PDB file of N, CA and C in Angstrom:
ATOM      1  N   UNK A   1     -15.320   9.842  -3.925  1.00  0.00           N
ATOM      2  CA  UNK A   1     -13.849   9.738  -4.420  1.00  0.00           C
ATOM      3  C   UNK A   1     -13.228   9.624  -3.063  1.00  0.00           C
ATOM      4  N   UNK A   2     -12.029   9.114  -4.027  1.00  0.00           N
ATOM      5  CA  UNK A   2     -10.315   8.990  -3.256  1.00  0.00           C
ATOM      6  C   UNK A   2      -9.273   9.848  -3.666  1.00  0.00           C
ATOM      7  N   UNK A   3      -8.710  11.093  -3.048  1.00  0.00           N
ATOM      8  CA  UNK A   3      -7.694  11.360  -3.422  1.00  0.00           C
ATOM      9  C   UNK A   3      -6.866  12.144  -2.417  1.00  0.00           C
ATOM     10  N   UNK A   4      -5.731  12.049  -3.303  1.00  0.00           N
ATOM     11  CA  UNK A   4      -4.798  13.248  -2.128  1.00  0.00           C
ATOM     12  C   UNK A   4      -3.969  14.135  -2.790  1.00  0.00           C
ATOM     13  N   UNK A   5      -4.259  15.284  -2.269  1.00  0.00           N
ATOM     14  CA  UNK A   5      -3.989  16.407  -2.881  1.00  0.00           C
ATOM     15  C   UNK A   5      -2.408  16.795  -2.431  1.00  0.00           C
ATOM     16  N   UNK A   6      -1.308  16.193  -2.994  1.00  0.00           N
ATOM     17  CA  UNK A   6      -0.069  16.385  -2.840  1.00  0.00           C
ATOM     18  C   UNK A   6       0.107  18.379  -2.581  1.00  0.00           C
ATOM     19  N   UNK A   7      -0.532  18.794  -2.920  1.00  0.00           N
ATOM     20  CA  UNK A   7      -0.265  20.079  -2.732  1.00  0.00           C
ATOM     21  C   UNK A   7      -0.528  20.626  -1.297  1.00  0.00           C
ATOM     22  N   UNK A   8      -0.114  21.407  -1.024  1.00  0.00           N
ATOM     23  CA  UNK A   8      -0.239  21.548   0.731  1.00  0.00           C
ATOM     24  C   UNK A   8      -1.162  22.831   0.997  1.00  0.00           C
ATOM     25  N   UNK A   9      -1.381  23.560  -0.362  1.00  0.00           N
ATOM     26  CA  UNK A   9      -2.220  24.534   0.057  1.00  0.00           C
ATOM     27  C   UNK A   9      -2.840  24.579  -1.241  1.00  0.00           C
ATOM     28  N   UNK A  10      -4.375  24.575  -1.316  1.00  0.00           N
ATOM     29  CA  UNK A  10      -4.915  25.142  -2.163  1.00  0.00           C
ATOM     30  C   UNK A  10      -5.116  26.055  -3.022  1.00  0.00           C
ATOM     31  N   UNK A  11      -5.209  26.325  -4.520  1.00  0.00           N
ATOM     32  CA  UNK A  11      -5.228  28.161  -5.088  1.00  0.00           C
ATOM     33  C   UNK A  11      -6.902  29.080  -4.421  1.00  0.00           C
ATOM     34  N   UNK A  12      -6.527  30.254  -4.092  1.00  0.00           N
ATOM     35  CA  UNK A  12      -7.988  30.918  -3.935  1.00  0.00           C
ATOM     36  C   UNK A  12      -7.858  31.774  -4.959  1.00  0.00           C
ATOM     37  N   UNK A  13      -9.239  32.177  -5.027  1.00  0.00           N
ATOM     38  CA  UNK A  13      -9.467  33.381  -5.664  1.00  0.00           C
ATOM     39  C   UNK A  13      -9.281  34.036  -5.537  1.00  0.00           C
ATOM     40  N   UNK A  14      -9.640  35.550  -5.911  1.00  0.00           N
ATOM     41  CA  UNK A  14      -9.326  36.792  -5.088  1.00  0.00           C
ATOM     42  C   UNK A  14     -10.023  37.233  -4.351  1.00  0.00           C
ATOM     43  N   UNK A  15     -11.182  36.631  -4.316  1.00  0.00           N
ATOM     44  CA  UNK A  15     -11.974  36.847  -2.470  1.00  0.00           C
ATOM     45  C   UNK A  15     -11.742  36.350  -1.439  1.00  0.00           C
ATOM     46  N   UNK A  16     -10.638  35.206  -1.700  1.00  0.00           N
ATOM     47  CA  UNK A  16      -9.955  34.526  -1.033  1.00  0.00           C
ATOM     48  C   UNK A  16     -10.464  33.028  -1.046  1.00  0.00           C
ATOM     49  N   UNK A  17     -11.660  32.803  -1.628  1.00  0.00           N
ATOM     50  CA  UNK A  17     -12.229  31.568  -1.264  1.00  0.00           C
ATOM     51  C   UNK A  17     -11.269  30.706  -2.244  1.00  0.00           C
ATOM     52  N   UNK A  18     -11.601  29.026  -2.026  1.00  0.00           N
ATOM     53  CA  UNK A  18     -10.484  28.105  -2.646  1.00  0.00           C
ATOM     54  C   UNK A  18     -11.576  28.231  -4.444  1.00  0.00           C
ATOM     55  N   UNK A  19     -10.459  27.955  -4.913  1.00  0.00           N
ATOM     56  CA  UNK A  19     -11.695  28.090  -6.367  1.00  0.00           C
ATOM     57  C   UNK A  19     -10.485  27.727  -7.397  1.00  0.00           C
ATOM     58  N   UNK A  20     -10.913  27.485  -8.590  1.00  0.00           N
ATOM     59  CA  UNK A  20     -10.223  27.553  -9.784  1.00  0.00           C
ATOM     60  C   UNK A  20      -9.261  28.893 -10.143  1.00  0.00           C
ATOM     61  N   UNK A  21      -7.791  28.858  -9.976  1.00  0.00           N
ATOM     62  CA  UNK A  21      -7.258  29.963 -10.789  1.00  0.00           C
ATOM     63  C   UNK A  21      -6.056  29.779 -12.123  1.00  0.00           C
ATOM     64  N   UNK A  22      -6.329  30.768 -12.281  1.00  0.00           N
ATOM     65  CA  UNK A  22      -4.326  30.781 -13.049  1.00  0.00           C
ATOM     66  C   UNK A  22      -3.252  29.846 -12.675  1.00  0.00           C
ATOM     67  N   UNK A  23      -3.234  29.162 -11.146  1.00  0.00           N
ATOM     68  CA  UNK A  23      -2.591  28.995 -10.181  1.00  0.00           C
ATOM     69  C   UNK A  23      -2.592  27.304 -10.691  1.00  0.00           C
ATOM     70  N   UNK A  24      -3.972  26.754 -11.210  1.00  0.00           N
ATOM     71  CA  UNK A  24      -4.123  25.524 -11.526  1.00  0.00           C
ATOM     72  C   UNK A  24      -3.621  25.053 -12.447  1.00  0.00           C
ATOM     73  N   UNK A  25      -3.014  26.145 -13.638  1.00  0.00           N
ATOM     74  CA  UNK A  25      -2.495  25.576 -14.799  1.00  0.00           C
ATOM     75  C   UNK A  25      -1.284  25.087 -14.673  1.00  0.00           C
ATOM     76  N   UNK A  26      -0.419  25.096 -13.495  1.00  0.00           N
ATOM     77  CA  UNK A  26       0.373  24.619 -12.841  1.00  0.00           C
ATOM     78  C   UNK A  26       0.471  23.107 -12.456  1.00  0.00           C
ATOM     79  N   UNK A  27      -0.864  22.641 -11.917  1.00  0.00           N
ATOM     80  CA  UNK A  27      -1.171  21.364 -11.609  1.00  0.00           C
ATOM     81  C   UNK A  27      -2.021  20.352 -12.596  1.00  0.00           C
ATOM     82  N   UNK A  28      -1.719  19.424 -12.368  1.00  0.00           N
ATOM     83  CA  UNK A  28      -2.673  18.294 -12.902  1.00  0.00           C
ATOM     84  C   UNK A  28      -2.777  17.162 -12.011  1.00  0.00           C
ATOM     85  N   UNK A  29      -3.983  16.326 -12.906  1.00  0.00           N
ATOM     86  CA  UNK A  29      -4.438  15.268 -12.265  1.00  0.00           C
ATOM     87  C   UNK A  29      -4.103  13.833 -12.367  1.00  0.00           C
ATOM     88  N   UNK A  30      -3.271  13.024 -11.847  1.00  0.00           N
ATOM     89  CA  UNK A  30      -3.214  11.911 -12.531  1.00  0.00           C
ATOM     90  C   UNK A  30      -3.590  11.026 -11.739  1.00  0.00           C
ATOM     91  N   UNK A  31      -4.331  10.007 -12.393  1.00  0.00           N
ATOM     92  CA  UNK A  31      -5.544   8.626 -11.847  1.00  0.00           C
ATOM     93  C   UNK A  31      -4.421   7.332 -11.896  1.00  0.00           C
ATOM     94  N   UNK A  32      -4.014   7.077 -10.641  1.00  0.00           N
ATOM     95  CA  UNK A  32      -3.173   5.563 -10.212  1.00  0.00           C
ATOM     96  C   UNK A  32      -4.110   4.517 -10.209  1.00  0.00           C
ATOM     97  N   UNK A  33      -3.902   3.943 -10.887  1.00  0.00           N
ATOM     98  CA  UNK A  33      -4.834   2.627 -11.180  1.00  0.00           C
ATOM     99  C   UNK A  33      -4.615   1.308 -10.454  1.00  0.00           C
ATOM    100  N   UNK A  34      -4.916   0.745  -9.497  1.00  0.00           N
ATOM    101  CA  UNK A  34      -4.796  -1.306  -9.292  1.00  0.00           C
ATOM    102  C   UNK A  34      -5.382  -1.917  -9.811  1.00  0.00           C
ATOM    103  N   UNK A  35      -5.317  -2.983  -9.626  1.00  0.00           N
ATOM    104  CA  UNK A  35      -5.775  -4.124 -10.706  1.00  0.00           C
ATOM    105  C   UNK A  35      -7.140  -4.249 -10.210  1.00  0.00           C
ATOM    106  N   UNK A  36      -8.082  -3.698  -9.193  1.00  0.00           N
ATOM    107  CA  UNK A  36      -9.409  -3.404  -9.101  1.00  0.00           C
ATOM    108  C   UNK A  36      -9.861  -2.382 -10.216  1.00  0.00           C
ATOM    109  N   UNK A  37      -9.356  -2.009 -10.508  1.00  0.00           N
ATOM    110  CA  UNK A  37      -9.471  -0.795 -11.583  1.00  0.00           C
ATOM    111  C   UNK A  37     -10.094   0.738 -10.875  1.00  0.00           C
ATOM    112  N   UNK A  38      -9.570   0.280  -9.212  1.00  0.00           N
ATOM    113  CA  UNK A  38      -9.641   1.257  -9.053  1.00  0.00           C
ATOM    114  C   UNK A  38      -8.804   2.804  -9.186  1.00  0.00           C
ATOM    115  N   UNK A  39      -9.608   3.696  -9.307  1.00  0.00           N
ATOM    116  CA  UNK A  39      -8.416   4.980  -9.482  1.00  0.00           C
ATOM    117  C   UNK A  39      -8.134   6.121  -8.385  1.00  0.00           C
ATOM    118  N   UNK A  40      -7.080   6.041  -7.758  1.00  0.00           N
ATOM    119  CA  UNK A  40      -6.695   7.183  -7.086  1.00  0.00           C
ATOM    120  C   UNK A  40      -6.222   8.304  -7.129  1.00  0.00           C
ATOM    121  N   UNK A  41      -7.146   9.162  -7.481  1.00  0.00           N
ATOM    122  CA  UNK A  41      -6.085  10.993  -7.864  1.00  0.00           C
ATOM    123  C   UNK A  41      -5.219  11.568  -6.818  1.00  0.00           C
ATOM    124  N   UNK A  42      -4.529  12.051  -7.645  1.00  0.00           N
ATOM    125  CA  UNK A  42      -3.515  12.941  -7.154  1.00  0.00           C
ATOM    126  C   UNK A  42      -2.837  13.683  -7.954  1.00  0.00           C
ATOM    127  N   UNK A  43      -2.983  15.458  -7.257  1.00  0.00           N
ATOM    128  CA  UNK A  43      -2.542  16.434  -7.707  1.00  0.00           C
ATOM    129  C   UNK A  43      -1.074  16.678  -7.500  1.00  0.00           C
ATOM    130  N   UNK A  44      -0.858  16.731  -9.035  1.00  0.00           N
ATOM    131  CA  UNK A  44       0.818  17.277  -8.756  1.00  0.00           C
ATOM    132  C   UNK A  44       1.403  18.438  -9.619  1.00  0.00           C
ATOM    133  N   UNK A  45       2.192  18.934  -9.140  1.00  0.00           N
ATOM    134  CA  UNK A  45       2.827  20.333 -10.200  1.00  0.00           C
ATOM    135  C   UNK A  45       3.417  19.944 -11.488  1.00  0.00           C
ATOM    136  N   UNK A  46       3.376  20.197 -12.544  1.00  0.00           N
ATOM    137  CA  UNK A  46       4.008  19.493 -13.635  1.00  0.00           C
ATOM    138  C   UNK A  46       5.803  19.354 -13.156  1.00  0.00           C
ATOM    139  N   UNK A  47       6.458  20.088 -12.228  1.00  0.00           N
ATOM    140  CA  UNK A  47       7.393  20.022 -11.723  1.00  0.00           C
ATOM    141  C   UNK A  47       7.893  19.115 -11.088  1.00  0.00           C
ATOM    142  N   UNK A  48       6.946  18.229 -10.195  1.00  0.00           N
ATOM    143  CA  UNK A  48       6.939  18.126  -8.998  1.00  0.00           C
ATOM    144  C   UNK A  48       7.565  16.191  -9.881  1.00  0.00           C
ATOM    145  N   UNK A  49       8.419  16.104  -8.675  1.00  0.00           N
ATOM    146  CA  UNK A  49       9.200  14.730  -8.591  1.00  0.00           C
ATOM    147  C   UNK A  49       8.088  13.483  -8.443  1.00  0.00           C
ATOM    148  N   UNK A  50       8.347  12.717  -9.444  1.00  0.00           N
ATOM    149  CA  UNK A  50       6.982  11.306  -9.133  1.00  0.00           C
ATOM    150  C   UNK A  50       7.484  10.416  -7.787  1.00  0.00           C
ATOM    151  N   UNK A  51       8.740  10.874  -7.297  1.00  0.00           N
ATOM    152  CA  UNK A  51       8.960   9.968  -6.100  1.00  0.00           C
ATOM    153  C   UNK A  51       7.706  10.843  -4.969  1.00  0.00           C
ATOM    154  N   UNK A  52       7.631  11.581  -5.347  1.00  0.00           N
ATOM    155  CA  UNK A  52       6.243  12.492  -4.075  1.00  0.00           C
ATOM    156  C   UNK A  52       4.943  11.531  -4.186  1.00  0.00           C
ATOM    157  N   UNK A  53       4.520  11.343  -5.427  1.00  0.00           N
ATOM    158  CA  UNK A  53       3.225  10.484  -5.766  1.00  0.00           C
ATOM    159  C   UNK A  53       3.296   8.659  -5.335  1.00  0.00           C
ATOM    160  N   UNK A  54       4.481   8.516  -5.814  1.00  0.00           N
ATOM    161  CA  UNK A  54       4.571   6.971  -5.299  1.00  0.00           C
ATOM    162  C   UNK A  54       4.773   7.211  -4.033  1.00  0.00           C
ATOM    163  N   UNK A  55       5.690   7.708  -3.755  1.00  0.00           N
ATOM    164  CA  UNK A  55       5.755   7.568  -1.774  1.00  0.00           C
ATOM    165  C   UNK A  55       4.135   8.063  -1.557  1.00  0.00           C
ATOM    166  N   UNK A  56       3.546   8.694  -1.459  1.00  0.00           N
ATOM    167  CA  UNK A  56       2.130   8.635  -0.685  1.00  0.00           C
ATOM    168  C   UNK A  56       1.198   7.942  -0.955  1.00  0.00           C
ATOM    169  N   UNK A  57       1.661   7.273  -2.325  1.00  0.00           N
ATOM    170  CA  UNK A  57       0.730   5.992  -2.718  1.00  0.00           C
ATOM    171  C   UNK A  57       0.870   4.400  -1.752  1.00  0.00           C
ATOM    172  N   UNK A  58       2.178   4.385  -1.576  1.00  0.00           N
ATOM    173  CA  UNK A  58       3.000   3.524  -0.998  1.00  0.00           C
ATOM    174  C   UNK A  58       2.546   3.161   0.681  1.00  0.00           C
ATOM    175  N   UNK A  59       2.559   4.927   0.766  1.00  0.00           N
ATOM    176  CA  UNK A  59       2.296   4.971   2.320  1.00  0.00           C
ATOM    177  C   UNK A  59       1.092   5.042   2.811  1.00  0.00           C
ATOM    178  N   UNK A  60       0.686   5.459   1.785  1.00  0.00           N
ATOM    179  CA  UNK A  60      -1.150   5.664   2.383  1.00  0.00           C
ATOM    180  C   UNK A  60      -1.690   3.801   2.269  1.00  0.00           C
ATOM    181  N   UNK A  61      -0.860   2.732   1.751  1.00  0.00           N
ATOM    182  CA  UNK A  61      -1.692   1.549   1.676  1.00  0.00           C
ATOM    183  C   UNK A  61      -0.387   0.679   2.279  1.00  0.00           C
ATOM    184  N   UNK A  62       0.097   1.322   3.025  1.00  0.00           N
ATOM    185  CA  UNK A  62       1.583   0.731   3.814  1.00  0.00           C
ATOM    186  C   UNK A  62       1.730  -0.557   2.855  1.00  0.00           C
ATOM    187  N   UNK A  63       2.151  -0.743   1.627  1.00  0.00           N
ATOM    188  CA  UNK A  63       3.475  -0.998   0.801  1.00  0.00           C
ATOM    189  C   UNK A  63       4.638  -0.644   1.119  1.00  0.00           C
ATOM    190  N   UNK A  64       5.301  -1.603   0.929  1.00  0.00           N
ATOM    191  CA  UNK A  64       6.750  -1.225   0.798  1.00  0.00           C
ATOM    192  C   UNK A  64       7.168  -0.427  -0.357  1.00  0.00           C
ATOM    193  N   UNK A  65       7.674   0.561  -0.667  1.00  0.00           N
ATOM    194  CA  UNK A  65       7.671   1.042  -1.939  1.00  0.00           C
ATOM    195  C   UNK A  65       8.689   0.543  -2.622  1.00  0.00           C
ATOM    196  N   UNK A  66       9.571  -0.351  -2.620  1.00  0.00           N
ATOM    197  CA  UNK A  66      10.279  -0.915  -3.477  1.00  0.00           C
ATOM    198  C   UNK A  66      10.276  -2.225  -3.984  1.00  0.00           C
ATOM    199  N   UNK A  67       8.589  -2.229  -3.330  1.00  0.00           N
ATOM    200  CA  UNK A  67       7.628  -3.754  -3.817  1.00  0.00           C
ATOM    201  C   UNK A  67       6.738  -3.587  -5.179  1.00  0.00           C
ATOM    202  N   UNK A  68       7.119  -1.988  -5.412  1.00  0.00           N
ATOM    203  CA  UNK A  68       5.715  -1.465  -6.475  1.00  0.00           C
ATOM    204  C   UNK A  68       6.684  -0.732  -7.660  1.00  0.00           C
ATOM    205  N   UNK A  69       5.919  -1.349  -8.806  1.00  0.00           N
ATOM    206  CA  UNK A  69       6.503  -0.406  -9.947  1.00  0.00           C
ATOM    207  C   UNK A  69       5.381   0.491 -10.768  1.00  0.00           C
ATOM    208  N   UNK A  70       5.641   1.590 -10.504  1.00  0.00           N
ATOM    209  CA  UNK A  70       4.872   2.411 -11.266  1.00  0.00           C
ATOM    210  C   UNK A  70       5.046   2.911 -12.736  1.00  0.00           C
ATOM    211  N   UNK A  71       3.694   2.738 -13.557  1.00  0.00           N
ATOM    212  CA  UNK A  71       3.994   2.161 -15.040  1.00  0.00           C
ATOM    213  C   UNK A  71       3.110   3.739 -15.348  1.00  0.00           C
ATOM    214  N   UNK A  72       3.830   4.573 -16.882  1.00  0.00           N
ATOM    215  CA  UNK A  72       3.177   5.434 -17.446  1.00  0.00           C
ATOM    216  C   UNK A  72       3.005   5.071 -19.023  1.00  0.00           C
ATOM    217  N   UNK A  73       1.604   4.754 -19.907  1.00  0.00           N
ATOM    218  CA  UNK A  73       1.946   4.226 -21.118  1.00  0.00           C
ATOM    219  C   UNK A  73       3.242   3.041 -21.485  1.00  0.00           C
ATOM    220  N   UNK A  74       3.009   1.816 -20.102  1.00  0.00           N
ATOM    221  CA  UNK A  74       4.196   1.183 -20.426  1.00  0.00           C
ATOM    222  C   UNK A  74       5.464   1.109 -20.097  1.00  0.00           C
ATOM    223  N   UNK A  75       6.206   2.379 -19.567  1.00  0.00           N
ATOM    224  CA  UNK A  75       7.164   3.042 -19.357  1.00  0.00           C
ATOM    225  C   UNK A  75       7.123   2.953 -17.680  1.00  0.00           C
ATOM    226  N   UNK A  76       8.309   2.224 -17.249  1.00  0.00           N
ATOM    227  CA  UNK A  76       8.714   2.672 -15.486  1.00  0.00           C
ATOM    228  C   UNK A  76       8.759   3.914 -15.477  1.00  0.00           C
ATOM    229  N   UNK A  77       8.584   4.252 -14.363  1.00  0.00           N
ATOM    230  CA  UNK A  77       8.409   5.863 -13.896  1.00  0.00           C
ATOM    231  C   UNK A  77       9.851   5.759 -13.072  1.00  0.00           C
ATOM    232  N   UNK A  78      10.022   6.352 -13.159  1.00  0.00           N
ATOM    233  CA  UNK A  78      11.791   6.690 -12.125  1.00  0.00           C
ATOM    234  C   UNK A  78      11.427   7.935 -11.114  1.00  0.00           C
ATOM    235  N   UNK A  79      11.915   7.579  -9.560  1.00  0.00           N
ATOM    236  CA  UNK A  79      11.624   8.836  -8.882  1.00  0.00           C
ATOM    237  C   UNK A  79      11.975  10.241  -9.184  1.00  0.00           C
ATOM    238  N   UNK A  80      13.281  10.601 -10.153  1.00  0.00           N
ATOM    239  CA  UNK A  80      13.130  11.787 -10.778  1.00  0.00           C
ATOM    240  C   UNK A  80      12.681  12.219 -12.022  1.00  0.00           C
ATOM    241  N   UNK A  81      11.750  11.247 -12.287  1.00  0.00           N
ATOM    242  CA  UNK A  81      10.768  11.850 -13.187  1.00  0.00           C
ATOM    243  C   UNK A  81       9.813  13.090 -12.647  1.00  0.00           C
ATOM    244  N   UNK A  82       9.054  13.965 -13.593  1.00  0.00           N
ATOM    245  CA  UNK A  82       8.096  14.903 -13.520  1.00  0.00           C
ATOM    246  C   UNK A  82       7.038  14.435 -14.449  1.00  0.00           C
ATOM    247  N   UNK A  83       6.053  14.786 -14.119  1.00  0.00           N
ATOM    248  CA  UNK A  83       5.200  14.816 -15.147  1.00  0.00           C
ATOM    249  C   UNK A  83       5.097  15.847 -16.272  1.00  0.00           C
ATOM    250  N   UNK A  84       6.193  16.751 -16.687  1.00  0.00           N
ATOM    251  CA  UNK A  84       6.510  17.484 -17.582  1.00  0.00           C
ATOM    252  C   UNK A  84       7.304  16.885 -18.368  1.00  0.00           C
ATOM    253  N   UNK A  85       8.470  16.044 -17.429  1.00  0.00           N
ATOM    254  CA  UNK A  85       9.617  15.156 -18.748  1.00  0.00           C
ATOM    255  C   UNK A  85       8.591  14.163 -19.337  1.00  0.00           C
ATOM    256  N   UNK A  86       7.779  13.588 -18.110  1.00  0.00           N
ATOM    257  CA  UNK A  86       6.944  12.589 -19.393  1.00  0.00           C
ATOM    258  C   UNK A  86       6.224  12.914 -19.920  1.00  0.00           C
ATOM    259  N   UNK A  87       5.834  14.448 -20.148  1.00  0.00           N
ATOM    260  CA  UNK A  87       4.884  14.803 -20.985  1.00  0.00           C
ATOM    261  C   UNK A  87       3.577  14.472 -20.464  1.00  0.00           C
ATOM    262  N   UNK A  88       2.985  14.642 -19.311  1.00  0.00           N
ATOM    263  CA  UNK A  88       1.574  13.921 -18.935  1.00  0.00           C
ATOM    264  C   UNK A  88       0.699  14.949 -19.146  1.00  0.00           C
ATOM    265  N   UNK A  89      -0.334  14.347 -18.996  1.00  0.00           N
ATOM    266  CA  UNK A  89      -1.622  15.754 -19.334  1.00  0.00           C
ATOM    267  C   UNK A  89      -2.485  15.070 -18.021  1.00  0.00           C
ATOM    268  N   UNK A  90      -3.128  16.211 -17.806  1.00  0.00           N
ATOM    269  CA  UNK A  90      -4.606  16.161 -16.712  1.00  0.00           C
ATOM    270  C   UNK A  90      -5.298  15.077 -17.052  1.00  0.00           C
ATOM    271  N   UNK A  91      -5.405  14.159 -15.897  1.00  0.00           N
ATOM    272  CA  UNK A  91      -6.148  12.686 -16.071  1.00  0.00           C
ATOM    273  C   UNK A  91      -5.468  11.761 -16.494  1.00  0.00           C
ATOM    274  N   UNK A  92      -4.049  11.777 -16.960  1.00  0.00           N
ATOM    275  CA  UNK A  92      -3.657  11.025 -17.486  1.00  0.00           C
ATOM    276  C   UNK A  92      -3.656   9.687 -16.140  1.00  0.00           C
ATOM    277  N   UNK A  93      -3.331   8.208 -16.841  1.00  0.00           N
ATOM    278  CA  UNK A  93      -3.554   6.984 -15.793  1.00  0.00           C
ATOM    279  C   UNK A  93      -2.167   6.809 -15.534  1.00  0.00           C
ATOM    280  N   UNK A  94      -1.815   6.130 -14.215  1.00  0.00           N
ATOM    281  CA  UNK A  94      -0.362   5.756 -13.926  1.00  0.00           C
ATOM    282  C   UNK A  94      -1.042   4.083 -13.590  1.00  0.00           C
ATOM    283  N   UNK A  95      -0.575   2.893 -14.035  1.00  0.00           N
ATOM    284  CA  UNK A  95      -0.238   2.007 -13.486  1.00  0.00           C
ATOM    285  C   UNK A  95       0.275   1.326 -12.579  1.00  0.00           C
ATOM    286  N   UNK A  96       0.089   0.888 -11.075  1.00  0.00           N
ATOM    287  CA  UNK A  96       1.020   0.254 -10.308  1.00  0.00           C
ATOM    288  C   UNK A  96       1.372  -1.258 -10.042  1.00  0.00           C
ATOM    289  N   UNK A  97       2.263  -1.498 -10.469  1.00  0.00           N
ATOM    290  CA  UNK A  97       2.476  -3.614 -10.587  1.00  0.00           C
ATOM    291  C   UNK A  97       3.523  -3.437  -9.472  1.00  0.00           C
ATOM    292  N   UNK A  98       3.158  -4.536  -9.149  1.00  0.00           N
ATOM    293  CA  UNK A  98       4.554  -5.222  -8.292  1.00  0.00           C
ATOM    294  C   UNK A  98       5.707  -5.946  -8.703  1.00  0.00           C
ATOM    295  N   UNK A  99       6.811  -6.344  -8.299  1.00  0.00           N
ATOM    296  CA  UNK A  99       7.595  -6.825  -8.527  1.00  0.00           C
ATOM    297  C   UNK A  99       8.045  -7.411  -9.900  1.00  0.00           C
ATOM    298  N   UNK A 100       6.664  -8.505  -9.831  1.00  0.00           N
ATOM    299  CA  UNK A 100       6.810  -9.429 -10.867  1.00  0.00           C
ATOM    300  C   UNK A 100       5.533  -9.233 -12.074  1.00  0.00           C
ATOM    301  N   UNK A 101       5.403  -7.832 -11.999  1.00  0.00           N
ATOM    302  CA  UNK A 101       4.712  -7.213 -12.983  1.00  0.00           C
ATOM    303  C   UNK A 101       3.242  -7.759 -13.251  1.00  0.00           C
ATOM    304  N   UNK A 102       2.506  -7.630 -11.948  1.00  0.00           N
ATOM    305  CA  UNK A 102       1.368  -8.175 -11.862  1.00  0.00           C
ATOM    306  C   UNK A 102       0.667  -6.678 -11.189  1.00  0.00           C
ATOM    307  N   UNK A 103      -0.396  -6.461 -11.282  1.00  0.00           N
ATOM    308  CA  UNK A 103      -0.949  -4.901 -10.711  1.00  0.00           C
ATOM    309  C   UNK A 103      -1.180  -5.211  -9.290  1.00  0.00           C
ATOM    310  N   UNK A 104      -1.147  -4.360  -8.815  1.00  0.00           N
ATOM    311  CA  UNK A 104      -1.160  -4.099  -7.351  1.00  0.00           C
ATOM    312  C   UNK A 104      -2.987  -4.738  -7.020  1.00  0.00           C
ATOM    313  N   UNK A 105      -3.133  -5.479  -5.948  1.00  0.00           N
ATOM    314  CA  UNK A 105      -4.294  -5.692  -5.589  1.00  0.00           C
ATOM    315  C   UNK A 105      -4.948  -4.708  -5.246  1.00  0.00           C
ATOM    316  N   UNK A 106      -6.681  -4.800  -5.352  1.00  0.00           N
ATOM    317  CA  UNK A 106      -7.902  -4.155  -4.685  1.00  0.00           C
ATOM    318  C   UNK A 106      -7.500  -3.527  -3.206  1.00  0.00           C
ATOM    319  N   UNK A 107      -7.013  -2.184  -3.124  1.00  0.00           N
ATOM    320  CA  UNK A 107      -6.723  -2.368  -1.914  1.00  0.00           C
ATOM    321  C   UNK A 107      -7.477  -1.120  -1.065  1.00  0.00           C
ATOM    322  N   UNK A 108      -8.760  -1.109  -1.456  1.00  0.00           N
ATOM    323  CA  UNK A 108     -10.125  -0.121  -0.981  1.00  0.00           C
ATOM    324  C   UNK A 108     -10.605  -0.789   0.142  1.00  0.00           C
ATOM    325  N   UNK A 109     -10.553  -1.968   0.698  1.00  0.00           N
ATOM    326  CA  UNK A 109     -10.632  -2.757   1.797  1.00  0.00           C
ATOM    327  C   UNK A 109     -10.008  -1.967   2.748  1.00  0.00           C
ATOM    328  N   UNK A 110      -8.556  -1.314   2.552  1.00  0.00           N
ATOM    329  CA  UNK A 110      -8.001  -0.666   3.771  1.00  0.00           C
ATOM    330  C   UNK A 110      -8.126   0.227   4.191  1.00  0.00           C
ATOM    331  N   UNK A 111      -9.081   1.181   3.350  1.00  0.00           N
ATOM    332  CA  UNK A 111      -9.223   2.620   2.850  1.00  0.00           C
ATOM    333  C   UNK A 111     -10.457   3.122   4.137  1.00  0.00           C
ATOM    334  N   UNK A 112      -9.766   4.054   5.091  1.00  0.00           N
ATOM    335  CA  UNK A 112     -10.843   4.376   6.216  1.00  0.00           C
ATOM    336  C   UNK A 112     -12.108   5.447   5.308  1.00  0.00           C
ATOM    337  N   UNK A 113     -13.007   5.992   5.770  1.00  0.00           N
ATOM    338  CA  UNK A 113     -13.843   6.522   5.475  1.00  0.00           C
ATOM    339  C   UNK A 113     -13.548   7.965   5.640  1.00  0.00           C
ATOM    340  N   UNK A 114     -12.502   8.669   6.281  1.00  0.00           N
ATOM    341  CA  UNK A 114     -12.202   9.802   5.997  1.00  0.00           C
ATOM    342  C   UNK A 114     -10.580   9.637   5.556  1.00  0.00           C
ATOM    343  N   UNK A 115     -10.640   9.994   4.396  1.00  0.00           N
ATOM    344  CA  UNK A 115      -9.272  10.202   3.406  1.00  0.00           C
ATOM    345  C   UNK A 115      -8.451  11.539   4.087  1.00  0.00           C
ATOM    346  N   UNK A 116      -7.009  11.419   4.178  1.00  0.00           N
ATOM    347  CA  UNK A 116      -6.110  12.524   4.682  1.00  0.00           C
ATOM    348  C   UNK A 116      -5.960  13.030   3.386  1.00  0.00           C
ATOM    349  N   UNK A 117      -5.894  14.885   3.450  1.00  0.00           N
ATOM    350  CA  UNK A 117      -5.633  14.834   2.435  1.00  0.00           C
ATOM    351  C   UNK A 117      -3.718  16.094   3.057  1.00  0.00           C
ATOM    352  N   UNK A 118      -2.852  14.857   2.117  1.00  0.00           N
ATOM    353  CA  UNK A 118      -1.497  15.345   2.077  1.00  0.00           C
ATOM    354  C   UNK A 118      -1.191  17.254   1.595  1.00  0.00           C
TER     355      UNK A 118
END
């Protein structure tokens, strides 16, 4: 499982244990796909700017953000867009392409076994 949780604090139940709560309704998980059809889940609030996800993805793989284009349902995602403004739902797929509109190659070989949680 490869994922980055862009929320810095996991929701906790009344007992203080990490778990599902009503706060989860504020979040969704997006699957970011590259050429190797590998998905990288990102957990965002519906009101988070998409720049946050784009920046985390490109930093994770040491790719210049200017060289990537992020697409949702064939539409280019702008930095100021939010999941809410794009009418995204949980587990929707975002495709990453380079400036030539070819998908970014499989980046799994650059991953360590320890995945940082943002």
